[in-house]
PDBML (XML) file of the C-alpha atoms, coordinates in Angstrom:
<?xml version="1.0" encoding="UTF-8" ?>
<PDBx:datablock datablockName="MODEL"
   xmlns:PDBx="http://pdbml.pdb.org/schema/pdbx-v50.xsd"
   xmlns:xsi="http://www.w3.org/2001/XMLSchema-instance"
   xsi:schemaLocation="http://pdbml.pdb.org/schema/pdbx-v50.xsd pdbx-v50.xsd">
   <PDBx:atom_siteCategory>
      <PDBx:atom_site id="1">
         <PDBx:B_iso_or_equiv>0.00</PDBx:B_iso_or_equiv>
         <PDBx:Cartn_x>-0.076</PDBx:Cartn_x>
         <PDBx:Cartn_y>-0.123</PDBx:Cartn_y>
         <PDBx:Cartn_z>0.039</PDBx:Cartn_z>
         <PDBx:auth_asym_id>A</PDBx:auth_asym_id>
         <PDBx:auth_atom_id>CA</PDBx:auth_atom_id>
         <PDBx:auth_comp_id>THR</PDBx:auth_comp_id>
         <PDBx:auth_seq_id>1</PDBx:auth_seq_id>
         <PDBx:group_PDB>ATOM</PDBx:group_PDB>
         <PDBx:label_alt_id xsi:nil="true" />
         <PDBx:label_asym_id>A</PDBx:label_asym_id>
         <PDBx:label_atom_id>CA</PDBx:label_atom_id>
         <PDBx:label_comp_id>THR</PDBx:label_comp_id>
         <PDBx:label_entity_id>1</PDBx:label_entity_id>
         <PDBx:label_seq_id>1</PDBx:label_seq_id>
         <PDBx:occupancy>1.00</PDBx:occupancy>
         <PDBx:pdbx_PDB_model_num>1</PDBx:pdbx_PDB_model_num>
         <PDBx:type_symbol>C</PDBx:type_symbol>
      </PDBx:atom_site>
      <PDBx:atom_site id="2">
         <PDBx:B_iso_or_equiv>0.00</PDBx:B_iso_or_equiv>
         <PDBx:Cartn_x>1.259</PDBx:Cartn_x>
         <PDBx:Cartn_y>3.516</PDBx:Cartn_y>
         <PDBx:Cartn_z>-0.749</PDBx:Cartn_z>
         <PDBx:auth_asym_id>A</PDBx:auth_asym_id>
         <PDBx:auth_atom_id>CA</PDBx:auth_atom_id>
         <PDBx:auth_comp_id>VAL</PDBx:auth_comp_id>
         <PDBx:auth_seq_id>2</PDBx:auth_seq_id>
         <PDBx:group_PDB>ATOM</PDBx:group_PDB>
         <PDBx:label_alt_id xsi:nil="true" />
         <PDBx:label_asym_id>A</PDBx:label_asym_id>
         <PDBx:label_atom_id>CA</PDBx:label_atom_id>
         <PDBx:label_comp_id>VAL</PDBx:label_comp_id>
         <PDBx:label_entity_id>1</PDBx:label_entity_id>
         <PDBx:label_seq_id>2</PDBx:label_seq_id>
         <PDBx:occupancy>1.00</PDBx:occupancy>
         <PDBx:pdbx_PDB_model_num>1</PDBx:pdbx_PDB_model_num>
         <PDBx:type_symbol>C</PDBx:type_symbol>
      </PDBx:atom_site>
      <PDBx:atom_site id="3">
         <PDBx:B_iso_or_equiv>0.00</PDBx:B_iso_or_equiv>
         <PDBx:Cartn_x>0.079</PDBx:Cartn_x>
         <PDBx:Cartn_y>6.336</PDBx:Cartn_y>
         <PDBx:Cartn_z>1.076</PDBx:Cartn_z>
         <PDBx:auth_asym_id>A</PDBx:auth_asym_id>
         <PDBx:auth_atom_id>CA</PDBx:auth_atom_id>
         <PDBx:auth_comp_id>THR</PDBx:auth_comp_id>
         <PDBx:auth_seq_id>3</PDBx:auth_seq_id>
         <PDBx:group_PDB>ATOM</PDBx:group_PDB>
         <PDBx:label_alt_id xsi:nil="true" />
         <PDBx:label_asym_id>A</PDBx:label_asym_id>
         <PDBx:label_atom_id>CA</PDBx:label_atom_id>
         <PDBx:label_comp_id>THR</PDBx:label_comp_id>
         <PDBx:label_entity_id>1</PDBx:label_entity_id>
         <PDBx:label_seq_id>3</PDBx:label_seq_id>
         <PDBx:occupancy>1.00</PDBx:occupancy>
         <PDBx:pdbx_PDB_model_num>1</PDBx:pdbx_PDB_model_num>
         <PDBx:type_symbol>C</PDBx:type_symbol>
      </PDBx:atom_site>
      <PDBx:atom_site id="4">
         <PDBx:B_iso_or_equiv>0.00</PDBx:B_iso_or_equiv>
         <PDBx:Cartn_x>0.611</PDBx:Cartn_x>
         <PDBx:Cartn_y>10.319</PDBx:Cartn_y>
         <PDBx:Cartn_z>0.746</PDBx:Cartn_z>
         <PDBx:auth_asym_id>A</PDBx:auth_asym_id>
         <PDBx:auth_atom_id>CA</PDBx:auth_atom_id>
         <PDBx:auth_comp_id>ALA</PDBx:auth_comp_id>
         <PDBx:auth_seq_id>4</PDBx:auth_seq_id>
         <PDBx:group_PDB>ATOM</PDBx:group_PDB>
         <PDBx:label_alt_id xsi:nil="true" />
         <PDBx:label_asym_id>A</PDBx:label_asym_id>
         <PDBx:label_atom_id>CA</PDBx:label_atom_id>
         <PDBx:label_comp_id>ALA</PDBx:label_comp_id>
         <PDBx:label_entity_id>1</PDBx:label_entity_id>
         <PDBx:label_seq_id>4</PDBx:label_seq_id>
         <PDBx:occupancy>1.00</PDBx:occupancy>
         <PDBx:pdbx_PDB_model_num>1</PDBx:pdbx_PDB_model_num>
         <PDBx:type_symbol>C</PDBx:type_symbol>
      </PDBx:atom_site>
      <PDBx:atom_site id="5">
         <PDBx:B_iso_or_equiv>0.00</PDBx:B_iso_or_equiv>
         <PDBx:Cartn_x>2.699</PDBx:Cartn_x>
         <PDBx:Cartn_y>11.349</PDBx:Cartn_y>
         <PDBx:Cartn_z>3.830</PDBx:Cartn_z>
         <PDBx:auth_asym_id>A</PDBx:auth_asym_id>
         <PDBx:auth_atom_id>CA</PDBx:auth_atom_id>
         <PDBx:auth_comp_id>MET</PDBx:auth_comp_id>
         <PDBx:auth_seq_id>5</PDBx:auth_seq_id>
         <PDBx:group_PDB>ATOM</PDBx:group_PDB>
         <PDBx:label_alt_id xsi:nil="true" />
         <PDBx:label_asym_id>A</PDBx:label_asym_id>
         <PDBx:label_atom_id>CA</PDBx:label_atom_id>
         <PDBx:label_comp_id>MET</PDBx:label_comp_id>
         <PDBx:label_entity_id>1</PDBx:label_entity_id>
         <PDBx:label_seq_id>5</PDBx:label_seq_id>
         <PDBx:occupancy>1.00</PDBx:occupancy>
         <PDBx:pdbx_PDB_model_num>1</PDBx:pdbx_PDB_model_num>
         <PDBx:type_symbol>C</PDBx:type_symbol>
      </PDBx:atom_site>
      <PDBx:atom_site id="6">
         <PDBx:B_iso_or_equiv>0.00</PDBx:B_iso_or_equiv>
         <PDBx:Cartn_x>1.881</PDBx:Cartn_x>
         <PDBx:Cartn_y>14.980</PDBx:Cartn_y>
         <PDBx:Cartn_z>2.682</PDBx:Cartn_z>
         <PDBx:auth_asym_id>A</PDBx:auth_asym_id>
         <PDBx:auth_atom_id>CA</PDBx:auth_atom_id>
         <PDBx:auth_comp_id>MET</PDBx:auth_comp_id>
         <PDBx:auth_seq_id>6</PDBx:auth_seq_id>
         <PDBx:group_PDB>ATOM</PDBx:group_PDB>
         <PDBx:label_alt_id xsi:nil="true" />
         <PDBx:label_asym_id>A</PDBx:label_asym_id>
         <PDBx:label_atom_id>CA</PDBx:label_atom_id>
         <PDBx:label_comp_id>MET</PDBx:label_comp_id>
         <PDBx:label_entity_id>1</PDBx:label_entity_id>
         <PDBx:label_seq_id>6</PDBx:label_seq_id>
         <PDBx:occupancy>1.00</PDBx:occupancy>
         <PDBx:pdbx_PDB_model_num>1</PDBx:pdbx_PDB_model_num>
         <PDBx:type_symbol>C</PDBx:type_symbol>
      </PDBx:atom_site>
      <PDBx:atom_site id="7">
         <PDBx:B_iso_or_equiv>0.00</PDBx:B_iso_or_equiv>
         <PDBx:Cartn_x>0.542</PDBx:Cartn_x>
         <PDBx:Cartn_y>16.803</PDBx:Cartn_y>
         <PDBx:Cartn_z>-0.236</PDBx:Cartn_z>
         <PDBx:auth_asym_id>A</PDBx:auth_asym_id>
         <PDBx:auth_atom_id>CA</PDBx:auth_atom_id>
         <PDBx:auth_comp_id>GLU</PDBx:auth_comp_id>
         <PDBx:auth_seq_id>7</PDBx:auth_seq_id>
         <PDBx:group_PDB>ATOM</PDBx:group_PDB>
         <PDBx:label_alt_id xsi:nil="true" />
         <PDBx:label_asym_id>A</PDBx:label_asym_id>
         <PDBx:label_atom_id>CA</PDBx:label_atom_id>
         <PDBx:label_comp_id>GLU</PDBx:label_comp_id>
         <PDBx:label_entity_id>1</PDBx:label_entity_id>
         <PDBx:label_seq_id>7</PDBx:label_seq_id>
         <PDBx:occupancy>1.00</PDBx:occupancy>
         <PDBx:pdbx_PDB_model_num>1</PDBx:pdbx_PDB_model_num>
         <PDBx:type_symbol>C</PDBx:type_symbol>
      </PDBx:atom_site>
      <PDBx:atom_site id="8">
         <PDBx:B_iso_or_equiv>0.00</PDBx:B_iso_or_equiv>
         <PDBx:Cartn_x>1.929</PDBx:Cartn_x>
         <PDBx:Cartn_y>14.975</PDBx:Cartn_y>
         <PDBx:Cartn_z>-3.402</PDBx:Cartn_z>
         <PDBx:auth_asym_id>A</PDBx:auth_asym_id>
         <PDBx:auth_atom_id>CA</PDBx:auth_atom_id>
         <PDBx:auth_comp_id>SER</PDBx:auth_comp_id>
         <PDBx:auth_seq_id>8</PDBx:auth_seq_id>
         <PDBx:group_PDB>ATOM</PDBx:group_PDB>
         <PDBx:label_alt_id xsi:nil="true" />
         <PDBx:label_asym_id>A</PDBx:label_asym_id>
         <PDBx:label_atom_id>CA</PDBx:label_atom_id>
         <PDBx:label_comp_id>SER</PDBx:label_comp_id>
         <PDBx:label_entity_id>1</PDBx:label_entity_id>
         <PDBx:label_seq_id>8</PDBx:label_seq_id>
         <PDBx:occupancy>1.00</PDBx:occupancy>
         <PDBx:pdbx_PDB_model_num>1</PDBx:pdbx_PDB_model_num>
         <PDBx:type_symbol>C</PDBx:type_symbol>
      </PDBx:atom_site>
      <PDBx:atom_site id="9">
         <PDBx:B_iso_or_equiv>0.00</PDBx:B_iso_or_equiv>
         <PDBx:Cartn_x>1.327</PDBx:Cartn_x>
         <PDBx:Cartn_y>15.213</PDBx:Cartn_y>
         <PDBx:Cartn_z>-7.286</PDBx:Cartn_z>
         <PDBx:auth_asym_id>A</PDBx:auth_asym_id>
         <PDBx:auth_atom_id>CA</PDBx:auth_atom_id>
         <PDBx:auth_comp_id>VAL</PDBx:auth_comp_id>
         <PDBx:auth_seq_id>9</PDBx:auth_seq_id>
         <PDBx:group_PDB>ATOM</PDBx:group_PDB>
         <PDBx:label_alt_id xsi:nil="true" />
         <PDBx:label_asym_id>A</PDBx:label_asym_id>
         <PDBx:label_atom_id>CA</PDBx:label_atom_id>
         <PDBx:label_comp_id>VAL</PDBx:label_comp_id>
         <PDBx:label_entity_id>1</PDBx:label_entity_id>
         <PDBx:label_seq_id>9</PDBx:label_seq_id>
         <PDBx:occupancy>1.00</PDBx:occupancy>
         <PDBx:pdbx_PDB_model_num>1</PDBx:pdbx_PDB_model_num>
         <PDBx:type_symbol>C</PDBx:type_symbol>
      </PDBx:atom_site>
      <PDBx:atom_site id="10">
         <PDBx:B_iso_or_equiv>0.00</PDBx:B_iso_or_equiv>
         <PDBx:Cartn_x>1.742</PDBx:Cartn_x>
         <PDBx:Cartn_y>12.118</PDBx:Cartn_y>
         <PDBx:Cartn_z>-8.542</PDBx:Cartn_z>
         <PDBx:auth_asym_id>A</PDBx:auth_asym_id>
         <PDBx:auth_atom_id>CA</PDBx:auth_atom_id>
         <PDBx:auth_comp_id>ILE</PDBx:auth_comp_id>
         <PDBx:auth_seq_id>10</PDBx:auth_seq_id>
         <PDBx:group_PDB>ATOM</PDBx:group_PDB>
         <PDBx:label_alt_id xsi:nil="true" />
         <PDBx:label_asym_id>A</PDBx:label_asym_id>
         <PDBx:label_atom_id>CA</PDBx:label_atom_id>
         <PDBx:label_comp_id>ILE</PDBx:label_comp_id>
         <PDBx:label_entity_id>1</PDBx:label_entity_id>
         <PDBx:label_seq_id>10</PDBx:label_seq_id>
         <PDBx:occupancy>1.00</PDBx:occupancy>
         <PDBx:pdbx_PDB_model_num>1</PDBx:pdbx_PDB_model_num>
         <PDBx:type_symbol>C</PDBx:type_symbol>
      </PDBx:atom_site>
      <PDBx:atom_site id="11">
         <PDBx:B_iso_or_equiv>0.00</PDBx:B_iso_or_equiv>
         <PDBx:Cartn_x>1.633</PDBx:Cartn_x>
         <PDBx:Cartn_y>10.851</PDBx:Cartn_y>
         <PDBx:Cartn_z>-12.037</PDBx:Cartn_z>
         <PDBx:auth_asym_id>A</PDBx:auth_asym_id>
         <PDBx:auth_atom_id>CA</PDBx:auth_atom_id>
         <PDBx:auth_comp_id>VAL</PDBx:auth_comp_id>
         <PDBx:auth_seq_id>11</PDBx:auth_seq_id>
         <PDBx:group_PDB>ATOM</PDBx:group_PDB>
         <PDBx:label_alt_id xsi:nil="true" />
         <PDBx:label_asym_id>A</PDBx:label_asym_id>
         <PDBx:label_atom_id>CA</PDBx:label_atom_id>
         <PDBx:label_comp_id>VAL</PDBx:label_comp_id>
         <PDBx:label_entity_id>1</PDBx:label_entity_id>
         <PDBx:label_seq_id>11</PDBx:label_seq_id>
         <PDBx:occupancy>1.00</PDBx:occupancy>
         <PDBx:pdbx_PDB_model_num>1</PDBx:pdbx_PDB_model_num>
         <PDBx:type_symbol>C</PDBx:type_symbol>
      </PDBx:atom_site>
      <PDBx:atom_site id="12">
         <PDBx:B_iso_or_equiv>0.00</PDBx:B_iso_or_equiv>
         <PDBx:Cartn_x>-0.248</PDBx:Cartn_x>
         <PDBx:Cartn_y>7.801</PDBx:Cartn_y>
         <PDBx:Cartn_z>-13.132</PDBx:Cartn_z>
         <PDBx:auth_asym_id>A</PDBx:auth_asym_id>
         <PDBx:auth_atom_id>CA</PDBx:auth_atom_id>
         <PDBx:auth_comp_id>ARG</PDBx:auth_comp_id>
         <PDBx:auth_seq_id>12</PDBx:auth_seq_id>
         <PDBx:group_PDB>ATOM</PDBx:group_PDB>
         <PDBx:label_alt_id xsi:nil="true" />
         <PDBx:label_asym_id>A</PDBx:label_asym_id>
         <PDBx:label_atom_id>CA</PDBx:label_atom_id>
         <PDBx:label_comp_id>ARG</PDBx:label_comp_id>
         <PDBx:label_entity_id>1</PDBx:label_entity_id>
         <PDBx:label_seq_id>12</PDBx:label_seq_id>
         <PDBx:occupancy>1.00</PDBx:occupancy>
         <PDBx:pdbx_PDB_model_num>1</PDBx:pdbx_PDB_model_num>
         <PDBx:type_symbol>C</PDBx:type_symbol>
      </PDBx:atom_site>
      <PDBx:atom_site id="13">
         <PDBx:B_iso_or_equiv>0.00</PDBx:B_iso_or_equiv>
         <PDBx:Cartn_x>1.005</PDBx:Cartn_x>
         <PDBx:Cartn_y>5.896</PDBx:Cartn_y>
         <PDBx:Cartn_z>-16.560</PDBx:Cartn_z>
         <PDBx:auth_asym_id>A</PDBx:auth_asym_id>
         <PDBx:auth_atom_id>CA</PDBx:auth_atom_id>
         <PDBx:auth_comp_id>LEU</PDBx:auth_comp_id>
         <PDBx:auth_seq_id>13</PDBx:auth_seq_id>
         <PDBx:group_PDB>ATOM</PDBx:group_PDB>
         <PDBx:label_alt_id xsi:nil="true" />
         <PDBx:label_asym_id>A</PDBx:label_asym_id>
         <PDBx:label_atom_id>CA</PDBx:label_atom_id>
         <PDBx:label_comp_id>LEU</PDBx:label_comp_id>
         <PDBx:label_entity_id>1</PDBx:label_entity_id>
         <PDBx:label_seq_id>13</PDBx:label_seq_id>
         <PDBx:occupancy>1.00</PDBx:occupancy>
         <PDBx:pdbx_PDB_model_num>1</PDBx:pdbx_PDB_model_num>
         <PDBx:type_symbol>C</PDBx:type_symbol>
      </PDBx:atom_site>
      <PDBx:atom_site id="14">
         <PDBx:B_iso_or_equiv>0.00</PDBx:B_iso_or_equiv>
         <PDBx:Cartn_x>-0.631</PDBx:Cartn_x>
         <PDBx:Cartn_y>3.657</PDBx:Cartn_y>
         <PDBx:Cartn_z>-17.765</PDBx:Cartn_z>
         <PDBx:auth_asym_id>A</PDBx:auth_asym_id>
         <PDBx:auth_atom_id>CA</PDBx:auth_atom_id>
         <PDBx:auth_comp_id>GLU</PDBx:auth_comp_id>
         <PDBx:auth_seq_id>14</PDBx:auth_seq_id>
         <PDBx:group_PDB>ATOM</PDBx:group_PDB>
         <PDBx:label_alt_id xsi:nil="true" />
         <PDBx:label_asym_id>A</PDBx:label_asym_id>
         <PDBx:label_atom_id>CA</PDBx:label_atom_id>
         <PDBx:label_comp_id>GLU</PDBx:label_comp_id>
         <PDBx:label_entity_id>1</PDBx:label_entity_id>
         <PDBx:label_seq_id>14</PDBx:label_seq_id>
         <PDBx:occupancy>1.00</PDBx:occupancy>
         <PDBx:pdbx_PDB_model_num>1</PDBx:pdbx_PDB_model_num>
         <PDBx:type_symbol>C</PDBx:type_symbol>
      </PDBx:atom_site>
      <PDBx:atom_site id="15">
         <PDBx:B_iso_or_equiv>0.00</PDBx:B_iso_or_equiv>
         <PDBx:Cartn_x>1.068</PDBx:Cartn_x>
         <PDBx:Cartn_y>0.185</PDBx:Cartn_y>
         <PDBx:Cartn_z>-18.210</PDBx:Cartn_z>
         <PDBx:auth_asym_id>A</PDBx:auth_asym_id>
         <PDBx:auth_atom_id>CA</PDBx:auth_atom_id>
         <PDBx:auth_comp_id>LYS</PDBx:auth_comp_id>
         <PDBx:auth_seq_id>15</PDBx:auth_seq_id>
         <PDBx:group_PDB>ATOM</PDBx:group_PDB>
         <PDBx:label_alt_id xsi:nil="true" />
         <PDBx:label_asym_id>A</PDBx:label_asym_id>
         <PDBx:label_atom_id>CA</PDBx:label_atom_id>
         <PDBx:label_comp_id>LYS</PDBx:label_comp_id>
         <PDBx:label_entity_id>1</PDBx:label_entity_id>
         <PDBx:label_seq_id>15</PDBx:label_seq_id>
         <PDBx:occupancy>1.00</PDBx:occupancy>
         <PDBx:pdbx_PDB_model_num>1</PDBx:pdbx_PDB_model_num>
         <PDBx:type_symbol>C</PDBx:type_symbol>
      </PDBx:atom_site>
      <PDBx:atom_site id="16">
         <PDBx:B_iso_or_equiv>0.00</PDBx:B_iso_or_equiv>
         <PDBx:Cartn_x>0.589</PDBx:Cartn_x>
         <PDBx:Cartn_y>0.275</PDBx:Cartn_y>
         <PDBx:Cartn_z>-21.874</PDBx:Cartn_z>
         <PDBx:auth_asym_id>A</PDBx:auth_asym_id>
         <PDBx:auth_atom_id>CA</PDBx:auth_atom_id>
         <PDBx:auth_comp_id>ALA</PDBx:auth_comp_id>
         <PDBx:auth_seq_id>16</PDBx:auth_seq_id>
         <PDBx:group_PDB>ATOM</PDBx:group_PDB>
         <PDBx:label_alt_id xsi:nil="true" />
         <PDBx:label_asym_id>A</PDBx:label_asym_id>
         <PDBx:label_atom_id>CA</PDBx:label_atom_id>
         <PDBx:label_comp_id>ALA</PDBx:label_comp_id>
         <PDBx:label_entity_id>1</PDBx:label_entity_id>
         <PDBx:label_seq_id>16</PDBx:label_seq_id>
         <PDBx:occupancy>1.00</PDBx:occupancy>
         <PDBx:pdbx_PDB_model_num>1</PDBx:pdbx_PDB_model_num>
         <PDBx:type_symbol>C</PDBx:type_symbol>
      </PDBx:atom_site>
      <PDBx:atom_site id="17">
         <PDBx:B_iso_or_equiv>0.00</PDBx:B_iso_or_equiv>
         <PDBx:Cartn_x>1.784</PDBx:Cartn_x>
         <PDBx:Cartn_y>3.939</PDBx:Cartn_y>
         <PDBx:Cartn_z>-22.295</PDBx:Cartn_z>
         <PDBx:auth_asym_id>A</PDBx:auth_asym_id>
         <PDBx:auth_atom_id>CA</PDBx:auth_atom_id>
         <PDBx:auth_comp_id>ALA</PDBx:auth_comp_id>
         <PDBx:auth_seq_id>17</PDBx:auth_seq_id>
         <PDBx:group_PDB>ATOM</PDBx:group_PDB>
         <PDBx:label_alt_id xsi:nil="true" />
         <PDBx:label_asym_id>A</PDBx:label_asym_id>
         <PDBx:label_atom_id>CA</PDBx:label_atom_id>
         <PDBx:label_comp_id>ALA</PDBx:label_comp_id>
         <PDBx:label_entity_id>1</PDBx:label_entity_id>
         <PDBx:label_seq_id>17</PDBx:label_seq_id>
         <PDBx:occupancy>1.00</PDBx:occupancy>
         <PDBx:pdbx_PDB_model_num>1</PDBx:pdbx_PDB_model_num>
         <PDBx:type_symbol>C</PDBx:type_symbol>
      </PDBx:atom_site>
      <PDBx:atom_site id="18">
         <PDBx:B_iso_or_equiv>0.00</PDBx:B_iso_or_equiv>
         <PDBx:Cartn_x>4.882</PDBx:Cartn_x>
         <PDBx:Cartn_y>2.842</PDBx:Cartn_y>
         <PDBx:Cartn_z>-20.328</PDBx:Cartn_z>
         <PDBx:auth_asym_id>A</PDBx:auth_asym_id>
         <PDBx:auth_atom_id>CA</PDBx:auth_atom_id>
         <PDBx:auth_comp_id>ILE</PDBx:auth_comp_id>
         <PDBx:auth_seq_id>18</PDBx:auth_seq_id>
         <PDBx:group_PDB>ATOM</PDBx:group_PDB>
         <PDBx:label_alt_id xsi:nil="true" />
         <PDBx:label_asym_id>A</PDBx:label_asym_id>
         <PDBx:label_atom_id>CA</PDBx:label_atom_id>
         <PDBx:label_comp_id>ILE</PDBx:label_comp_id>
         <PDBx:label_entity_id>1</PDBx:label_entity_id>
         <PDBx:label_seq_id>18</PDBx:label_seq_id>
         <PDBx:occupancy>1.00</PDBx:occupancy>
         <PDBx:pdbx_PDB_model_num>1</PDBx:pdbx_PDB_model_num>
         <PDBx:type_symbol>C</PDBx:type_symbol>
      </PDBx:atom_site>
      <PDBx:atom_site id="19">
         <PDBx:B_iso_or_equiv>0.00</PDBx:B_iso_or_equiv>
         <PDBx:Cartn_x>5.499</PDBx:Cartn_x>
         <PDBx:Cartn_y>-0.329</PDBx:Cartn_y>
         <PDBx:Cartn_z>-21.991</PDBx:Cartn_z>
         <PDBx:auth_asym_id>A</PDBx:auth_asym_id>
         <PDBx:auth_atom_id>CA</PDBx:auth_atom_id>
         <PDBx:auth_comp_id>VAL</PDBx:auth_comp_id>
         <PDBx:auth_seq_id>19</PDBx:auth_seq_id>
         <PDBx:group_PDB>ATOM</PDBx:group_PDB>
         <PDBx:label_alt_id xsi:nil="true" />
         <PDBx:label_asym_id>A</PDBx:label_asym_id>
         <PDBx:label_atom_id>CA</PDBx:label_atom_id>
         <PDBx:label_comp_id>VAL</PDBx:label_comp_id>
         <PDBx:label_entity_id>1</PDBx:label_entity_id>
         <PDBx:label_seq_id>19</PDBx:label_seq_id>
         <PDBx:occupancy>1.00</PDBx:occupancy>
         <PDBx:pdbx_PDB_model_num>1</PDBx:pdbx_PDB_model_num>
         <PDBx:type_symbol>C</PDBx:type_symbol>
      </PDBx:atom_site>
      <PDBx:atom_site id="20">
         <PDBx:B_iso_or_equiv>0.00</PDBx:B_iso_or_equiv>
         <PDBx:Cartn_x>5.665</PDBx:Cartn_x>
         <PDBx:Cartn_y>2.006</PDBx:Cartn_y>
         <PDBx:Cartn_z>-25.387</PDBx:Cartn_z>
         <PDBx:auth_asym_id>A</PDBx:auth_asym_id>
         <PDBx:auth_atom_id>CA</PDBx:auth_atom_id>
         <PDBx:auth_comp_id>ARG</PDBx:auth_comp_id>
         <PDBx:auth_seq_id>20</PDBx:auth_seq_id>
         <PDBx:group_PDB>ATOM</PDBx:group_PDB>
         <PDBx:label_alt_id xsi:nil="true" />
         <PDBx:label_asym_id>A</PDBx:label_asym_id>
         <PDBx:label_atom_id>CA</PDBx:label_atom_id>
         <PDBx:label_comp_id>ARG</PDBx:label_comp_id>
         <PDBx:label_entity_id>1</PDBx:label_entity_id>
         <PDBx:label_seq_id>20</PDBx:label_seq_id>
         <PDBx:occupancy>1.00</PDBx:occupancy>
         <PDBx:pdbx_PDB_model_num>1</PDBx:pdbx_PDB_model_num>
         <PDBx:type_symbol>C</PDBx:type_symbol>
      </PDBx:atom_site>
      <PDBx:atom_site id="21">
         <PDBx:B_iso_or_equiv>0.00</PDBx:B_iso_or_equiv>
         <PDBx:Cartn_x>7.886</PDBx:Cartn_x>
         <PDBx:Cartn_y>4.584</PDBx:Cartn_y>
         <PDBx:Cartn_z>-24.494</PDBx:Cartn_z>
         <PDBx:auth_asym_id>A</PDBx:auth_asym_id>
         <PDBx:auth_atom_id>CA</PDBx:auth_atom_id>
         <PDBx:auth_comp_id>VAL</PDBx:auth_comp_id>
         <PDBx:auth_seq_id>21</PDBx:auth_seq_id>
         <PDBx:group_PDB>ATOM</PDBx:group_PDB>
         <PDBx:label_alt_id xsi:nil="true" />
         <PDBx:label_asym_id>A</PDBx:label_asym_id>
         <PDBx:label_atom_id>CA</PDBx:label_atom_id>
         <PDBx:label_comp_id>VAL</PDBx:label_comp_id>
         <PDBx:label_entity_id>1</PDBx:label_entity_id>
         <PDBx:label_seq_id>21</PDBx:label_seq_id>
         <PDBx:occupancy>1.00</PDBx:occupancy>
         <PDBx:pdbx_PDB_model_num>1</PDBx:pdbx_PDB_model_num>
         <PDBx:type_symbol>C</PDBx:type_symbol>
      </PDBx:atom_site>
      <PDBx:atom_site id="22">
         <PDBx:B_iso_or_equiv>0.00</PDBx:B_iso_or_equiv>
         <PDBx:Cartn_x>10.430</PDBx:Cartn_x>
         <PDBx:Cartn_y>2.339</PDBx:Cartn_y>
         <PDBx:Cartn_z>-23.457</PDBx:Cartn_z>
         <PDBx:auth_asym_id>A</PDBx:auth_asym_id>
         <PDBx:auth_atom_id>CA</PDBx:auth_atom_id>
         <PDBx:auth_comp_id>ILE</PDBx:auth_comp_id>
         <PDBx:auth_seq_id>22</PDBx:auth_seq_id>
         <PDBx:group_PDB>ATOM</PDBx:group_PDB>
         <PDBx:label_alt_id xsi:nil="true" />
         <PDBx:label_asym_id>A</PDBx:label_asym_id>
         <PDBx:label_atom_id>CA</PDBx:label_atom_id>
         <PDBx:label_comp_id>ILE</PDBx:label_comp_id>
         <PDBx:label_entity_id>1</PDBx:label_entity_id>
         <PDBx:label_seq_id>22</PDBx:label_seq_id>
         <PDBx:occupancy>1.00</PDBx:occupancy>
         <PDBx:pdbx_PDB_model_num>1</PDBx:pdbx_PDB_model_num>
         <PDBx:type_symbol>C</PDBx:type_symbol>
      </PDBx:atom_site>
      <PDBx:atom_site id="23">
         <PDBx:B_iso_or_equiv>0.00</PDBx:B_iso_or_equiv>
         <PDBx:Cartn_x>10.603</PDBx:Cartn_x>
         <PDBx:Cartn_y>0.529</PDBx:Cartn_y>
         <PDBx:Cartn_z>-26.453</PDBx:Cartn_z>
         <PDBx:auth_asym_id>A</PDBx:auth_asym_id>
         <PDBx:auth_atom_id>CA</PDBx:auth_atom_id>
         <PDBx:auth_comp_id>ARG</PDBx:auth_comp_id>
         <PDBx:auth_seq_id>23</PDBx:auth_seq_id>
         <PDBx:group_PDB>ATOM</PDBx:group_PDB>
         <PDBx:label_alt_id xsi:nil="true" />
         <PDBx:label_asym_id>A</PDBx:label_asym_id>
         <PDBx:label_atom_id>CA</PDBx:label_atom_id>
         <PDBx:label_comp_id>ARG</PDBx:label_comp_id>
         <PDBx:label_entity_id>1</PDBx:label_entity_id>
         <PDBx:label_seq_id>23</PDBx:label_seq_id>
         <PDBx:occupancy>1.00</PDBx:occupancy>
         <PDBx:pdbx_PDB_model_num>1</PDBx:pdbx_PDB_model_num>
         <PDBx:type_symbol>C</PDBx:type_symbol>
      </PDBx:atom_site>
      <PDBx:atom_site id="24">
         <PDBx:B_iso_or_equiv>0.00</PDBx:B_iso_or_equiv>
         <PDBx:Cartn_x>10.525</PDBx:Cartn_x>
         <PDBx:Cartn_y>3.752</PDBx:Cartn_y>
         <PDBx:Cartn_z>-28.693</PDBx:Cartn_z>
         <PDBx:auth_asym_id>A</PDBx:auth_asym_id>
         <PDBx:auth_atom_id>CA</PDBx:auth_atom_id>
         <PDBx:auth_comp_id>GLN</PDBx:auth_comp_id>
         <PDBx:auth_seq_id>24</PDBx:auth_seq_id>
         <PDBx:group_PDB>ATOM</PDBx:group_PDB>
         <PDBx:label_alt_id xsi:nil="true" />
         <PDBx:label_asym_id>A</PDBx:label_asym_id>
         <PDBx:label_atom_id>CA</PDBx:label_atom_id>
         <PDBx:label_comp_id>GLN</PDBx:label_comp_id>
         <PDBx:label_entity_id>1</PDBx:label_entity_id>
         <PDBx:label_seq_id>24</PDBx:label_seq_id>
         <PDBx:occupancy>1.00</PDBx:occupancy>
         <PDBx:pdbx_PDB_model_num>1</PDBx:pdbx_PDB_model_num>
         <PDBx:type_symbol>C</PDBx:type_symbol>
      </PDBx:atom_site>
      <PDBx:atom_site id="25">
         <PDBx:B_iso_or_equiv>0.00</PDBx:B_iso_or_equiv>
         <PDBx:Cartn_x>12.619</PDBx:Cartn_x>
         <PDBx:Cartn_y>6.377</PDBx:Cartn_y>
         <PDBx:Cartn_z>-26.535</PDBx:Cartn_z>
         <PDBx:auth_asym_id>A</PDBx:auth_asym_id>
         <PDBx:auth_atom_id>CA</PDBx:auth_atom_id>
         <PDBx:auth_comp_id>GLN</PDBx:auth_comp_id>
         <PDBx:auth_seq_id>25</PDBx:auth_seq_id>
         <PDBx:group_PDB>ATOM</PDBx:group_PDB>
         <PDBx:label_alt_id xsi:nil="true" />
         <PDBx:label_asym_id>A</PDBx:label_asym_id>
         <PDBx:label_atom_id>CA</PDBx:label_atom_id>
         <PDBx:label_comp_id>GLN</PDBx:label_comp_id>
         <PDBx:label_entity_id>1</PDBx:label_entity_id>
         <PDBx:label_seq_id>25</PDBx:label_seq_id>
         <PDBx:occupancy>1.00</PDBx:occupancy>
         <PDBx:pdbx_PDB_model_num>1</PDBx:pdbx_PDB_model_num>
         <PDBx:type_symbol>C</PDBx:type_symbol>
      </PDBx:atom_site>
   </PDBx:atom_siteCategory>
</PDBx:datablock>
């Protein structure tokens, strides 16, 4: 479980999107 310890801004990257960019960039 991951819990924010303070006010945080977090980016969610869908699995398909990050797999694609790992392969292409």
